[in-house]
Protein backbone atom coordinates (compact mmCIF):
# COMPACT_ATOMS: atom_id res chain seq x y z
CA MET A 1 61.29 42.28 106.88
CA ALA A 2 60.53 45.81 105.70
CA PHE A 3 58.32 48.81 106.22
CA SER A 4 54.73 48.32 105.11
CA TYR A 5 51.50 50.29 105.31
CA THR A 6 47.83 50.10 104.42
CA THR A 7 45.43 52.81 103.27
CA ASP A 8 41.80 52.70 104.38
CA THR A 9 39.33 52.47 101.50
CA ARG A 10 37.06 55.16 102.96
CA THR A 11 38.54 58.62 102.59
CA HIS A 12 37.05 61.73 104.17
CA VAL A 13 36.39 64.67 101.84
CA LEU A 14 36.30 68.21 103.25
CA GLY A 15 35.68 70.62 100.37
CA ASP A 16 38.78 70.51 98.20
CA LEU A 17 40.72 68.68 100.91
CA MET A 18 40.83 64.98 101.67
CA MET A 19 41.78 63.08 104.82
CA VAL A 20 43.41 59.69 104.30
CA THR A 21 44.06 57.17 107.10
CA GLY A 22 45.69 53.77 107.49
CA THR A 23 48.10 51.58 109.44
CA TRP A 24 51.87 51.09 109.33
CA ASP A 25 54.33 48.40 110.42
CA ALA A 26 58.08 48.97 110.78
CA ALA A 27 59.21 45.34 110.87
CA SER A 28 63.01 45.27 111.38
CA VAL A 29 63.44 48.88 110.15
CA ASP A 30 63.27 52.26 111.85
CA THR A 31 61.98 54.44 109.02
CA GLY A 32 59.72 54.15 106.01
CA PRO A 33 57.62 56.18 103.55
CA ILE A 34 53.85 56.23 103.24
CA VAL A 35 52.55 57.36 99.84
CA THR A 36 49.21 58.94 100.75
CA GLY A 37 47.75 59.45 97.27
CA LEU A 38 47.43 63.18 97.96
CA SER A 39 49.10 65.74 95.71
CA GLU A 40 50.29 67.69 98.77
CA VAL A 41 50.19 66.82 102.48
CA LEU A 42 49.26 69.83 104.62
CA ALA A 43 49.18 68.00 107.97
CA GLY A 44 49.68 64.45 109.18
CA ASN A 45 50.71 62.33 112.12
CA VAL A 46 51.14 58.82 113.45
CA ILE A 47 49.07 57.62 116.40
CA GLY A 48 48.69 54.51 118.52
CA ASP A 49 52.29 53.39 118.15
CA THR A 50 53.13 50.25 120.11
CA GLU A 51 56.68 50.98 121.33
CA ASP A 52 56.57 53.69 124.00
CA ASN A 53 58.18 51.56 126.67
CA THR A 54 60.04 54.23 128.64
CA GLY A 55 57.31 56.84 128.69
CA GLY A 56 59.90 59.47 127.80
CA GLY A 57 59.04 59.68 124.12
CA VAL A 58 62.33 58.14 122.99
CA ASP A 59 60.62 54.97 121.83
CA GLY A 60 57.74 56.71 120.04
CA ALA A 61 57.11 57.39 116.40
CA PHE A 62 57.17 60.61 114.42
CA ALA A 63 55.68 61.67 111.08
CA ILE A 64 57.98 63.74 108.89
CA ILE A 65 56.41 65.79 106.10
CA THR A 66 58.81 67.41 103.61
CA THR A 67 58.37 69.37 100.41
CA ALA A 68 60.90 67.08 98.73
CA ALA A 69 58.30 64.31 98.49
CA PRO A 70 54.84 65.89 98.12
CA GLY A 71 52.07 63.49 99.11
CA THR A 72 54.37 61.34 101.22
CA ILE A 73 54.77 60.96 104.99
CA THR A 74 57.98 59.46 106.36
CA VAL A 75 57.64 57.54 109.63
CA ASP A 76 60.65 57.62 111.95
CA CYS A 77 60.38 55.14 114.81
CA VAL A 78 61.87 52.22 116.71
CA SER A 79 62.24 48.99 114.73
CA GLY A 80 59.27 46.70 115.23
CA ASN A 81 56.89 49.55 115.95
CA THR A 82 53.35 49.59 114.49
CA GLY A 83 50.52 52.09 114.54
CA LYS A 84 48.03 54.17 112.60
CA TRP A 85 48.56 57.24 110.44
CA TRP A 86 46.53 60.10 108.99
CA ALA A 87 47.16 62.79 106.41
CA LEU A 88 45.16 65.85 105.40
CA GLY A 89 45.92 67.48 102.10
CA LYS A 90 45.04 68.42 98.56
CA ARG A 91 43.66 65.82 96.21
């Protein structure tokens, strides 16, 4: 399998900013990119991940936002994890 994601069809516009949301699925991988459609991501996160078995955070998921890939969020997680994501940024 591979990393996959969806983008909700209803975006949220806040002046010149836009919030985009969706879901992600890390089937048999532990990292993957989400192309948000924004020109620059100012903030973002992953929520509702399914693999926090120990309660210590080691099985959770993290959103990585870098300037090397504007408009993209990289999810770093445990293989088989799923959840939701959001990004706020410039159109």
